[in-house]
Structure formats: C-alpha cells, structure tokens
Amino acid sequence: MPKPIARSKTRKAVAKRFKITARGKVLRAQSSRRHLLSAKNAKRKRQLSKAAQVDKTDVARIKANLPFG
C-alpha cells in the first residue's frame, strides 16, 4: 500500500491568537487588558485594545503553523 501524503493542519492555538492581514502582516492582541483595569486610565485601555504587529523574528514560526492563513 502506498504511504498517505501528510496533510498540513492549522495549529488552532495559533489561529485563535493571531490574524494575518491581506498584505501578510501578523497581528496580535496586546496584554494587560484582562483584569486590574480600574488602575489604568481610559487612554491606556483604549490604546491596549488595538491590535499590535508581531515582531519580524516571530512571523515565520507563526505562519508555519497557519498553512491556510
């Protein structure tokens, strides 16, 4: 019997944490937005709610885990 070809699967843990834009940039959510929010002012919370770009040193590893992204 011939050996089946390995399927590339999406790593779901990575898929729910990162988003790839149409131009190929990888976006992530910022930390410090879960609890202790009363100690942070409105400007800081608003800026933390926006997505941040992933560092270029990590992009290749993330994209390798998202073959269809």
C-alpha atoms as a PDB file:
ATOM      1  CA  MET A   1       0.000   0.000   0.000  1.00  0.00           C
ATOM      2  CA  PRO A   2       1.321   3.481  -0.791  1.00  0.00           C
ATOM      3  CA  LYS A   3       2.058   5.757   2.109  1.00  0.00           C
ATOM      4  CA  PRO A   4      -0.517   8.579   2.505  1.00  0.00           C
ATOM      5  CA  ILE A   5       0.693  12.131   1.988  1.00  0.00           C
ATOM      6  CA  ALA A   6       0.926  14.125   5.217  1.00  0.00           C
ATOM      7  CA  ARG A   7      -1.768  16.775   5.490  1.00  0.00           C
ATOM      8  CA  SER A   8      -0.795  20.214   6.704  1.00  0.00           C
ATOM      9  CA  LYS A   9      -3.094  21.201   9.532  1.00  0.00           C
ATOM     10  CA  THR A  10      -3.752  24.558  11.116  1.00  0.00           C
ATOM     11  CA  ARG A  11      -2.479  24.847  14.687  1.00  0.00           C
ATOM     12  CA  LYS A  12      -5.683  26.041  16.367  1.00  0.00           C
ATOM     13  CA  ALA A  13      -3.905  27.540  19.379  1.00  0.00           C
ATOM     14  CA  VAL A  14      -2.033  29.838  16.981  1.00  0.00           C
ATOM     15  CA  ALA A  15      -5.092  30.545  14.812  1.00  0.00           C
ATOM     16  CA  LYS A  16      -7.083  31.989  17.695  1.00  0.00           C
ATOM     17  CA  ARG A  17      -4.248  34.261  18.862  1.00  0.00           C
ATOM     18  CA  PHE A  18      -3.049  35.766  15.578  1.00  0.00           C
ATOM     19  CA  LYS A  19      -4.560  37.273  12.432  1.00  0.00           C
ATOM     20  CA  ILE A  20      -2.818  37.571   9.080  1.00  0.00           C
ATOM     21  CA  THR A  21      -3.677  40.677   7.051  1.00  0.00           C
ATOM     22  CA  ALA A  22      -4.145  40.780   3.282  1.00  0.00           C
ATOM     23  CA  ARG A  23      -0.577  42.056   2.891  1.00  0.00           C
ATOM     24  CA  GLY A  24       0.880  39.295   5.055  1.00  0.00           C
ATOM     25  CA  LYS A  25       1.456  41.153   8.321  1.00  0.00           C
ATOM     26  CA  VAL A  26       0.704  39.236  11.509  1.00  0.00           C
ATOM     27  CA  LEU A  27      -1.357  40.969  14.193  1.00  0.00           C
ATOM     28  CA  ARG A  28      -1.756  40.072  17.854  1.00  0.00           C
ATOM     29  CA  ALA A  29      -3.757  41.323  20.815  1.00  0.00           C
ATOM     30  CA  GLN A  30      -1.945  43.329  23.459  1.00  0.00           C
ATOM     31  CA  SER A  31      -1.568  42.148  27.028  1.00  0.00           C
ATOM     32  CA  SER A  32      -2.758  43.885  30.238  1.00  0.00           C
ATOM     33  CA  ARG A  33      -6.425  44.087  29.199  1.00  0.00           C
ATOM     34  CA  ARG A  34      -7.918  41.271  31.297  1.00  0.00           C
ATOM     35  CA  HIS A  35      -8.060  42.491  34.885  1.00  0.00           C
ATOM     36  CA  LEU A  36      -6.996  45.306  37.226  1.00  0.00           C
ATOM     37  CA  LEU A  37      -8.464  47.756  34.710  1.00  0.00           C
ATOM     38  CA  SER A  38      -9.580  50.269  37.331  1.00  0.00           C
ATOM     39  CA  ALA A  39      -5.926  51.171  37.892  1.00  0.00           C
ATOM     40  CA  LYS A  40      -5.466  52.058  34.208  1.00  0.00           C
ATOM     41  CA  ASN A  41      -6.758  55.263  32.685  1.00  0.00           C
ATOM     42  CA  ALA A  42      -9.106  55.390  29.682  1.00  0.00           C
ATOM     43  CA  LYS A  43      -6.389  56.385  27.211  1.00  0.00           C
ATOM     44  CA  ARG A  44      -4.202  53.431  28.181  1.00  0.00           C
ATOM     45  CA  LYS A  45      -7.104  50.960  27.955  1.00  0.00           C
ATOM     46  CA  ARG A  46      -8.137  52.358  24.572  1.00  0.00           C
ATOM     47  CA  GLN A  47      -4.606  52.043  23.181  1.00  0.00           C
ATOM     48  CA  LEU A  48      -4.268  48.496  24.538  1.00  0.00           C
ATOM     49  CA  SER A  49      -7.487  47.448  22.788  1.00  0.00           C
ATOM     50  CA  LYS A  50      -5.913  47.962  19.350  1.00  0.00           C
ATOM     51  CA  ALA A  51      -4.056  45.135  17.655  1.00  0.00           C
ATOM     52  CA  ALA A  52      -0.257  45.217  17.585  1.00  0.00           C
ATOM     53  CA  GLN A  53       2.060  43.871  14.927  1.00  0.00           C
ATOM     54  CA  VAL A  54       4.100  40.764  15.719  1.00  0.00           C
ATOM     55  CA  ASP A  55       7.883  41.154  15.752  1.00  0.00           C
ATOM     56  CA  LYS A  56       9.540  40.093  12.499  1.00  0.00           C
ATOM     57  CA  THR A  57      11.620  37.437  14.292  1.00  0.00           C
ATOM     58  CA  ASP A  58       8.431  35.523  15.199  1.00  0.00           C
ATOM     59  CA  VAL A  59       6.495  35.867  11.926  1.00  0.00           C
ATOM     60  CA  ALA A  60       7.988  32.815  10.170  1.00  0.00           C
ATOM     61  CA  ARG A  61       7.153  30.478  13.078  1.00  0.00           C
ATOM     62  CA  ILE A  62       3.577  31.749  13.280  1.00  0.00           C
ATOM     63  CA  LYS A  63       2.979  31.453   9.537  1.00  0.00           C
ATOM     64  CA  ALA A  64       4.381  27.909   9.552  1.00  0.00           C
ATOM     65  CA  ASN A  65       1.595  26.937  11.955  1.00  0.00           C
ATOM     66  CA  LEU A  66      -1.065  28.605   9.782  1.00  0.00           C
ATOM     67  CA  PRO A  67      -0.693  26.919   6.375  1.00  0.00           C
ATOM     68  CA  PHE A  68      -4.061  28.181   5.080  1.00  0.00           C
ATOM     69  CA  GLY A  69      -3.883  31.653   6.622  1.00  0.00           C
END
